[in-house]
Amino acid sequence: MMHSYEAEIDVEGHVRLLEPVRLHGPCRAVVTVLGPLGSEKIASDAMASSPDWRRFVGIMKESPHFNGDPVSIQKAMRDEWG
């Protein structure tokens, strides 16, 4: 299974992960360079204030669009595409 982790790479090529990573042994990694830091415009103040994804957990739990069985909702959304 692949996982993505946010990181910064300095001019000497040193990679600094911005979140803790727990691995169970040596792993292979592929680095995708997105561009220079500061080149992207942050769309919202929420994104700028905290790079932590956990702030989004549970944010849509009261949404009327996601009431019901998760599998049925996923199937209905998938069926809309095809």
PDB file of N, CA and C in Angstrom:
ATOM      1  N   MET A   1       0.843  -1.170   0.000  1.00  0.00           N
ATOM      2  CA  MET A   1       0.000   0.000   0.000  1.00  0.00           C
ATOM      3  C   MET A   1       0.895   1.242   0.000  1.00  0.00           C
ATOM      4  N   MET A   2       0.504   2.250  -0.746  1.00  0.00           N
ATOM      5  CA  MET A   2       1.277   3.481  -0.811  1.00  0.00           C
ATOM      6  C   MET A   2       0.677   4.524   0.132  1.00  0.00           C
ATOM      7  N   HIS A   3       1.534   5.320   0.728  1.00  0.00           N
ATOM      8  CA  HIS A   3       1.122   6.409   1.595  1.00  0.00           C
ATOM      9  C   HIS A   3       1.851   7.663   1.143  1.00  0.00           C
ATOM     10  N   SER A   4       1.261   8.809   1.337  1.00  0.00           N
ATOM     11  CA  SER A   4       1.887  10.077   0.998  1.00  0.00           C
ATOM     12  C   SER A   4       2.199  10.845   2.273  1.00  0.00           C
ATOM     13  N   TYR A   5       3.363  11.459   2.309  1.00  0.00           N
ATOM     14  CA  TYR A   5       3.786  12.260   3.439  1.00  0.00           C
ATOM     15  C   TYR A   5       4.296  13.587   2.910  1.00  0.00           C
ATOM     16  N   GLU A   6       3.941  14.677   3.558  1.00  0.00           N
ATOM     17  CA  GLU A   6       4.414  15.983   3.131  1.00  0.00           C
ATOM     18  C   GLU A   6       5.833  16.173   3.634  1.00  0.00           C
ATOM     19  N   ALA A   7       6.682  16.741   2.785  1.00  0.00           N
ATOM     20  CA  ALA A   7       8.084  16.938   3.140  1.00  0.00           C
ATOM     21  C   ALA A   7       8.610  18.186   2.446  1.00  0.00           C
ATOM     22  N   GLU A   8       9.745  18.661   2.925  1.00  0.00           N
ATOM     23  CA  GLU A   8      10.474  19.736   2.270  1.00  0.00           C
ATOM     24  C   GLU A   8      11.847  19.209   1.894  1.00  0.00           C
ATOM     25  N   ILE A   9      12.359  19.656   0.755  1.00  0.00           N
ATOM     26  CA  ILE A   9      13.694  19.271   0.305  1.00  0.00           C
ATOM     27  C   ILE A   9      14.524  20.539   0.193  1.00  0.00           C
ATOM     28  N   ASP A  10      15.691  20.561   0.872  1.00  0.00           N
ATOM     29  CA  ASP A  10      16.524  21.759   0.797  1.00  0.00           C
ATOM     30  C   ASP A  10      17.387  21.726  -0.466  1.00  0.00           C
ATOM     31  N   VAL A  11      18.131  22.783  -0.692  1.00  0.00           N
ATOM     32  CA  VAL A  11      18.906  22.903  -1.934  1.00  0.00           C
ATOM     33  C   VAL A  11      19.994  21.843  -2.056  1.00  0.00           C
ATOM     34  N   GLU A  12      20.384  21.228  -0.947  1.00  0.00           N
ATOM     35  CA  GLU A  12      21.388  20.171  -0.977  1.00  0.00           C
ATOM     36  C   GLU A  12      20.768  18.793  -1.167  1.00  0.00           C
ATOM     37  N   GLY A  13      19.432  18.739  -1.245  1.00  0.00           N
ATOM     38  CA  GLY A  13      18.749  17.470  -1.467  1.00  0.00           C
ATOM     39  C   GLY A  13      18.338  16.730  -0.214  1.00  0.00           C
ATOM     40  N   HIS A  14      18.507  17.348   0.951  1.00  0.00           N
ATOM     41  CA  HIS A  14      18.094  16.707   2.191  1.00  0.00           C
ATOM     42  C   HIS A  14      16.577  16.790   2.326  1.00  0.00           C
ATOM     43  N   VAL A  15      15.961  15.656   2.624  1.00  0.00           N
ATOM     44  CA  VAL A  15      14.506  15.580   2.760  1.00  0.00           C
ATOM     45  C   VAL A  15      14.136  15.650   4.235  1.00  0.00           C
ATOM     46  N   ARG A  16      13.201  16.539   4.574  1.00  0.00           N
ATOM     47  CA  ARG A  16      12.702  16.658   5.951  1.00  0.00           C
ATOM     48  C   ARG A  16      11.205  16.429   5.928  1.00  0.00           C
ATOM     49  N   LEU A  17      10.780  15.324   6.552  1.00  0.00           N
ATOM     50  CA  LEU A  17       9.357  15.009   6.630  1.00  0.00           C
ATOM     51  C   LEU A  17       8.682  15.968   7.604  1.00  0.00           C
ATOM     52  N   LEU A  18       7.480  16.421   7.273  1.00  0.00           N
ATOM     53  CA  LEU A  18       6.767  17.388   8.097  1.00  0.00           C
ATOM     54  C   LEU A  18       5.811  16.729   9.086  1.00  0.00           C
ATOM     55  N   GLU A  19       5.797  15.401   9.121  1.00  0.00           N
ATOM     56  CA  GLU A  19       4.973  14.666  10.070  1.00  0.00           C
ATOM     57  C   GLU A  19       5.712  13.390  10.440  1.00  0.00           C
ATOM     58  N   PRO A  20       5.453  12.842  11.626  1.00  0.00           N
ATOM     59  CA  PRO A  20       6.137  11.604  12.020  1.00  0.00           C
ATOM     60  C   PRO A  20       5.689  10.423  11.159  1.00  0.00           C
ATOM     61  N   VAL A  21       6.622   9.534  10.885  1.00  0.00           N
ATOM     62  CA  VAL A  21       6.349   8.352  10.072  1.00  0.00           C
ATOM     63  C   VAL A  21       6.808   7.125  10.850  1.00  0.00           C
ATOM     64  N   ARG A  22       5.936   6.129  10.953  1.00  0.00           N
ATOM     65  CA  ARG A  22       6.296   4.866  11.617  1.00  0.00           C
ATOM     66  C   ARG A  22       6.379   3.783  10.559  1.00  0.00           C
ATOM     67  N   LEU A  23       7.548   3.215  10.401  1.00  0.00           N
ATOM     68  CA  LEU A  23       7.762   2.149   9.422  1.00  0.00           C
ATOM     69  C   LEU A  23       8.150   0.876  10.161  1.00  0.00           C
ATOM     70  N   HIS A  24       7.828  -0.257   9.563  1.00  0.00           N
ATOM     71  CA  HIS A  24       8.134  -1.551  10.179  1.00  0.00           C
ATOM     72  C   HIS A  24       9.374  -2.174   9.570  1.00  0.00           C
ATOM     73  N   GLY A  25      10.177  -1.384   8.905  1.00  0.00           N
ATOM     74  CA  GLY A  25      11.391  -1.853   8.277  1.00  0.00           C
ATOM     75  C   GLY A  25      11.733  -0.948   7.111  1.00  0.00           C
ATOM     76  N   PRO A  26      12.801  -1.281   6.391  1.00  0.00           N
ATOM     77  CA  PRO A  26      13.182  -0.464   5.242  1.00  0.00           C
ATOM     78  C   PRO A  26      12.067  -0.434   4.193  1.00  0.00           C
ATOM     79  N   CYS A  27      11.877   0.719   3.577  1.00  0.00           N
ATOM     80  CA  CYS A  27      10.835   0.885   2.566  1.00  0.00           C
ATOM     81  C   CYS A  27      11.396   1.625   1.362  1.00  0.00           C
ATOM     82  N   ARG A  28      10.826   1.352   0.238  1.00  0.00           N
ATOM     83  CA  ARG A  28      11.161   2.049  -0.997  1.00  0.00           C
ATOM     84  C   ARG A  28      10.296   3.303  -1.063  1.00  0.00           C
ATOM     85  N   ALA A  29      10.837   4.401  -1.579  1.00  0.00           N
ATOM     86  CA  ALA A  29      10.080   5.652  -1.684  1.00  0.00           C
ATOM     87  C   ALA A  29      10.357   6.299  -3.030  1.00  0.00           C
ATOM     88  N   VAL A  30       9.368   7.027  -3.514  1.00  0.00           N
ATOM     89  CA  VAL A  30       9.506   7.822  -4.728  1.00  0.00           C
ATOM     90  C   VAL A  30       9.197   9.256  -4.328  1.00  0.00           C
ATOM     91  N   VAL A  31      10.048  10.187  -4.693  1.00  0.00           N
ATOM     92  CA  VAL A  31       9.857  11.582  -4.335  1.00  0.00           C
ATOM     93  C   VAL A  31       9.375  12.340  -5.563  1.00  0.00           C
ATOM     94  N   THR A  32       8.268  13.058  -5.424  1.00  0.00           N
ATOM     95  CA  THR A  32       7.737  13.902  -6.484  1.00  0.00           C
ATOM     96  C   THR A  32       7.922  15.347  -6.056  1.00  0.00           C
ATOM     97  N   VAL A  33       8.682  16.108  -6.813  1.00  0.00           N
ATOM     98  CA  VAL A  33       8.918  17.507  -6.484  1.00  0.00           C
ATOM     99  C   VAL A  33       7.790  18.332  -7.086  1.00  0.00           C
ATOM    100  N   LEU A  34       7.085  19.076  -6.248  1.00  0.00           N
ATOM    101  CA  LEU A  34       5.924  19.845  -6.679  1.00  0.00           C
ATOM    102  C   LEU A  34       6.293  21.245  -7.151  1.00  0.00           C
ATOM    103  N   GLY A  35       7.421  21.749  -6.746  1.00  0.00           N
ATOM    104  CA  GLY A  35       7.848  23.090  -7.134  1.00  0.00           C
ATOM    105  C   GLY A  35       8.469  23.795  -5.952  1.00  0.00           C
ATOM    106  N   PRO A  36       8.968  25.003  -6.177  1.00  0.00           N
ATOM    107  CA  PRO A  36       9.597  25.746  -5.085  1.00  0.00           C
ATOM    108  C   PRO A  36       8.587  26.098  -3.997  1.00  0.00           C
ATOM    109  N   LEU A  37       9.073  26.141  -2.752  1.00  0.00           N
ATOM    110  CA  LEU A  37       8.209  26.534  -1.639  1.00  0.00           C
ATOM    111  C   LEU A  37       7.729  27.956  -1.865  1.00  0.00           C
ATOM    112  N   GLY A  38       6.459  28.193  -1.559  1.00  0.00           N
ATOM    113  CA  GLY A  38       5.891  29.523  -1.720  1.00  0.00           C
ATOM    114  C   GLY A  38       5.346  29.781  -3.107  1.00  0.00           C
ATOM    115  N   SER A  39       5.529  28.842  -4.038  1.00  0.00           N
ATOM    116  CA  SER A  39       5.055  29.075  -5.402  1.00  0.00           C
ATOM    117  C   SER A  39       3.563  28.824  -5.544  1.00  0.00           C
ATOM    118  N   GLU A  40       2.993  28.048  -4.628  1.00  0.00           N
ATOM    119  CA  GLU A  40       1.563  27.770  -4.699  1.00  0.00           C
ATOM    120  C   GLU A  40       0.792  28.740  -3.824  1.00  0.00           C
ATOM    121  N   LYS A  41      -0.359  29.144  -4.266  1.00  0.00           N
ATOM    122  CA  LYS A  41      -1.210  30.059  -3.490  1.00  0.00           C
ATOM    123  C   LYS A  41      -2.139  29.222  -2.617  1.00  0.00           C
ATOM    124  N   ILE A  42      -2.122  29.479  -1.319  1.00  0.00           N
ATOM    125  CA  ILE A  42      -3.002  28.777  -0.388  1.00  0.00           C
ATOM    126  C   ILE A  42      -4.404  29.366  -0.540  1.00  0.00           C
ATOM    127  N   ALA A  43      -5.382  28.496  -0.796  1.00  0.00           N
ATOM    128  CA  ALA A  43      -6.738  28.954  -1.099  1.00  0.00           C
ATOM    129  C   ALA A  43      -7.505  29.403   0.132  1.00  0.00           C
ATOM    130  N   SER A  44      -7.225  28.810   1.286  1.00  0.00           N
ATOM    131  CA  SER A  44      -8.023  29.167   2.452  1.00  0.00           C
ATOM    132  C   SER A  44      -7.142  29.437   3.652  1.00  0.00           C
ATOM    133  N   ASP A  45      -7.651  30.240   4.577  1.00  0.00           N
ATOM    134  CA  ASP A  45      -6.919  30.520   5.809  1.00  0.00           C
ATOM    135  C   ASP A  45      -6.762  29.271   6.651  1.00  0.00           C
ATOM    136  N   ALA A  46      -7.725  28.353   6.570  1.00  0.00           N
ATOM    137  CA  ALA A  46      -7.647  27.107   7.334  1.00  0.00           C
ATOM    138  C   ALA A  46      -6.443  26.289   6.893  1.00  0.00           C
ATOM    139  N   MET A  47      -6.202  26.221   5.598  1.00  0.00           N
ATOM    140  CA  MET A  47      -5.056  25.468   5.103  1.00  0.00           C
ATOM    141  C   MET A  47      -3.756  26.139   5.536  1.00  0.00           C
ATOM    142  N   ALA A  48      -3.729  27.438   5.525  1.00  0.00           N
ATOM    143  CA  ALA A  48      -2.517  28.161   5.887  1.00  0.00           C
ATOM    144  C   ALA A  48      -2.221  28.055   7.380  1.00  0.00           C
ATOM    145  N   SER A  49      -3.252  27.947   8.202  1.00  0.00           N
ATOM    146  CA  SER A  49      -3.050  27.947   9.642  1.00  0.00           C
ATOM    147  C   SER A  49      -2.521  26.621  10.173  1.00  0.00           C
ATOM    148  N   SER A  50      -2.823  25.501   9.518  1.00  0.00           N
ATOM    149  CA  SER A  50      -2.393  24.209  10.033  1.00  0.00           C
ATOM    150  C   SER A  50      -2.234  23.198   8.907  1.00  0.00           C
ATOM    151  N   PRO A  51      -1.022  22.660   8.705  1.00  0.00           N
ATOM    152  CA  PRO A  51      -0.837  21.663   7.655  1.00  0.00           C
ATOM    153  C   PRO A  51      -1.290  20.257   8.077  1.00  0.00           C
ATOM    154  N   ASP A  52      -1.851  20.142   9.274  1.00  0.00           N
ATOM    155  CA  ASP A  52      -2.229  18.840   9.818  1.00  0.00           C
ATOM    156  C   ASP A  52      -3.579  18.391   9.269  1.00  0.00           C
ATOM    157  N   TRP A  53      -3.651  17.250   8.598  1.00  0.00           N
ATOM    158  CA  TRP A  53      -4.878  16.724   7.997  1.00  0.00           C
ATOM    159  C   TRP A  53      -5.933  16.376   9.044  1.00  0.00           C
ATOM    160  N   ARG A  54      -5.519  16.159  10.277  1.00  0.00           N
ATOM    161  CA  ARG A  54      -6.471  15.734  11.313  1.00  0.00           C
ATOM    162  C   ARG A  54      -7.547  16.781  11.605  1.00  0.00           C
ATOM    163  N   ARG A  55      -7.303  18.036  11.215  1.00  0.00           N
ATOM    164  CA  ARG A  55      -8.313  19.066  11.462  1.00  0.00           C
ATOM    165  C   ARG A  55      -9.577  18.823  10.645  1.00  0.00           C
ATOM    166  N   PHE A  56      -9.498  17.967   9.606  1.00  0.00           N
ATOM    167  CA  PHE A  56     -10.649  17.680   8.766  1.00  0.00           C
ATOM    168  C   PHE A  56     -11.477  16.492   9.265  1.00  0.00           C
ATOM    169  N   VAL A  57     -10.961  15.730  10.225  1.00  0.00           N
ATOM    170  CA  VAL A  57     -11.650  14.535  10.706  1.00  0.00           C
ATOM    171  C   VAL A  57     -12.998  14.917  11.311  1.00  0.00           C
ATOM    172  N   GLY A  58     -14.057  14.302  10.820  1.00  0.00           N
ATOM    173  CA  GLY A  58     -15.392  14.499  11.351  1.00  0.00           C
ATOM    174  C   GLY A  58     -16.078  15.779  10.923  1.00  0.00           C
ATOM    175  N   ILE A  59     -15.456  16.572  10.072  1.00  0.00           N
ATOM    176  CA  ILE A  59     -16.017  17.867   9.708  1.00  0.00           C
ATOM    177  C   ILE A  59     -17.329  17.743   8.927  1.00  0.00           C
ATOM    178  N   MET A  60     -17.543  16.628   8.233  1.00  0.00           N
ATOM    179  CA  MET A  60     -18.755  16.465   7.435  1.00  0.00           C
ATOM    180  C   MET A  60     -19.734  15.468   8.038  1.00  0.00           C
ATOM    181  N   LYS A  61     -19.538  15.104   9.297  1.00  0.00           N
ATOM    182  CA  LYS A  61     -20.395  14.077   9.901  1.00  0.00           C
ATOM    183  C   LYS A  61     -21.858  14.494   9.985  1.00  0.00           C
ATOM    184  N   GLU A  62     -22.143  15.781  10.028  1.00  0.00           N
ATOM    185  CA  GLU A  62     -23.519  16.264  10.097  1.00  0.00           C
ATOM    186  C   GLU A  62     -24.098  16.586   8.714  1.00  0.00           C
ATOM    187  N   SER A  63     -23.339  16.352   7.659  1.00  0.00           N
ATOM    188  CA  SER A  63     -23.803  16.662   6.306  1.00  0.00           C
ATOM    189  C   SER A  63     -24.968  15.747   5.918  1.00  0.00           C
ATOM    190  N   PRO A  64     -26.044  16.303   5.365  1.00  0.00           N
ATOM    191  CA  PRO A  64     -27.176  15.471   4.941  1.00  0.00           C
ATOM    192  C   PRO A  64     -26.827  14.582   3.747  1.00  0.00           C
ATOM    193  N   HIS A  65     -25.731  14.880   3.075  1.00  0.00           N
ATOM    194  CA  HIS A  65     -25.338  14.111   1.895  1.00  0.00           C
ATOM    195  C   HIS A  65     -24.689  12.781   2.244  1.00  0.00           C
ATOM    196  N   PHE A  66     -24.277  12.608   3.487  1.00  0.00           N
ATOM    197  CA  PHE A  66     -23.575  11.391   3.874  1.00  0.00           C
ATOM    198  C   PHE A  66     -24.303  10.602   4.957  1.00  0.00           C
ATOM    199  N   ASN A  67     -25.601  10.794   5.088  1.00  0.00           N
ATOM    200  CA  ASN A  67     -26.395   9.982   6.010  1.00  0.00           C
ATOM    201  C   ASN A  67     -26.690   8.648   5.351  1.00  0.00           C
ATOM    202  N   GLY A  68     -26.707   7.587   6.106  1.00  0.00           N
ATOM    203  CA  GLY A  68     -27.016   6.275   5.558  1.00  0.00           C
ATOM    204  C   GLY A  68     -25.813   5.361   5.525  1.00  0.00           C
ATOM    205  N   ASP A  69     -25.983   4.261   4.846  1.00  0.00           N
ATOM    206  CA  ASP A  69     -24.954   3.231   4.744  1.00  0.00           C
ATOM    207  C   ASP A  69     -23.796   3.711   3.864  1.00  0.00           C
ATOM    208  N   PRO A  70     -22.555   3.736   4.384  1.00  0.00           N
ATOM    209  CA  PRO A  70     -21.418   4.218   3.607  1.00  0.00           C
ATOM    210  C   PRO A  70     -21.201   3.447   2.299  1.00  0.00           C
ATOM    211  N   VAL A  71     -21.429   2.148   2.302  1.00  0.00           N
ATOM    212  CA  VAL A  71     -21.237   1.351   1.092  1.00  0.00           C
ATOM    213  C   VAL A  71     -22.252   1.736   0.018  1.00  0.00           C
ATOM    214  N   SER A  72     -23.504   1.944   0.425  1.00  0.00           N
ATOM    215  CA  SER A  72     -24.544   2.360  -0.521  1.00  0.00           C
ATOM    216  C   SER A  72     -24.254   3.746  -1.092  1.00  0.00           C
ATOM    217  N   ILE A  73     -23.788   4.649  -0.240  1.00  0.00           N
ATOM    218  CA  ILE A  73     -23.449   5.996  -0.695  1.00  0.00           C
ATOM    219  C   ILE A  73     -22.313   5.930  -1.708  1.00  0.00           C
ATOM    220  N   GLN A  74     -21.276   5.144  -1.408  1.00  0.00           N
ATOM    221  CA  GLN A  74     -20.139   5.017  -2.314  1.00  0.00           C
ATOM    222  C   GLN A  74     -20.575   4.421  -3.650  1.00  0.00           C
ATOM    223  N   LYS A  75     -21.414   3.391  -3.619  1.00  0.00           N
ATOM    224  CA  LYS A  75     -21.896   2.765  -4.857  1.00  0.00           C
ATOM    225  C   LYS A  75     -22.702   3.764  -5.681  1.00  0.00           C
ATOM    226  N   ALA A  76     -23.569   4.540  -5.027  1.00  0.00           N
ATOM    227  CA  ALA A  76     -24.379   5.537  -5.744  1.00  0.00           C
ATOM    228  C   ALA A  76     -23.489   6.594  -6.392  1.00  0.00           C
ATOM    229  N   MET A  77     -22.465   7.041  -5.661  1.00  0.00           N
ATOM    230  CA  MET A  77     -21.548   8.034  -6.230  1.00  0.00           C
ATOM    231  C   MET A  77     -20.778   7.457  -7.408  1.00  0.00           C
ATOM    232  N   ARG A  78     -20.342   6.222  -7.276  1.00  0.00           N
ATOM    233  CA  ARG A  78     -19.590   5.567  -8.343  1.00  0.00           C
ATOM    234  C   ARG A  78     -20.469   5.369  -9.582  1.00  0.00           C
ATOM    235  N   ASP A  79     -21.743   4.992  -9.369  1.00  0.00           N
ATOM    236  CA  ASP A  79     -22.664   4.770 -10.472  1.00  0.00           C
ATOM    237  C   ASP A  79     -22.957   6.061 -11.234  1.00  0.00           C
ATOM    238  N   GLU A  80     -22.876   7.225 -10.554  1.00  0.00           N
ATOM    239  CA  GLU A  80     -23.086   8.511 -11.216  1.00  0.00           C
ATOM    240  C   GLU A  80     -22.038   8.760 -12.286  1.00  0.00           C
ATOM    241  N   TRP A  81     -20.816   8.248 -12.093  1.00  0.00           N
ATOM    242  CA  TRP A  81     -19.714   8.521 -13.009  1.00  0.00           C
ATOM    243  C   TRP A  81     -19.844   7.734 -14.297  1.00  0.00           C
ATOM    244  N   GLY A  82     -20.465   6.570 -14.231  1.00  0.00           N
ATOM    245  CA  GLY A  82     -20.472   5.704 -15.404  1.00  0.00           C
ATOM    246  C   GLY A  82     -21.782   5.662 -16.010  1.00  0.00           C
TER     247      GLY A  82
END
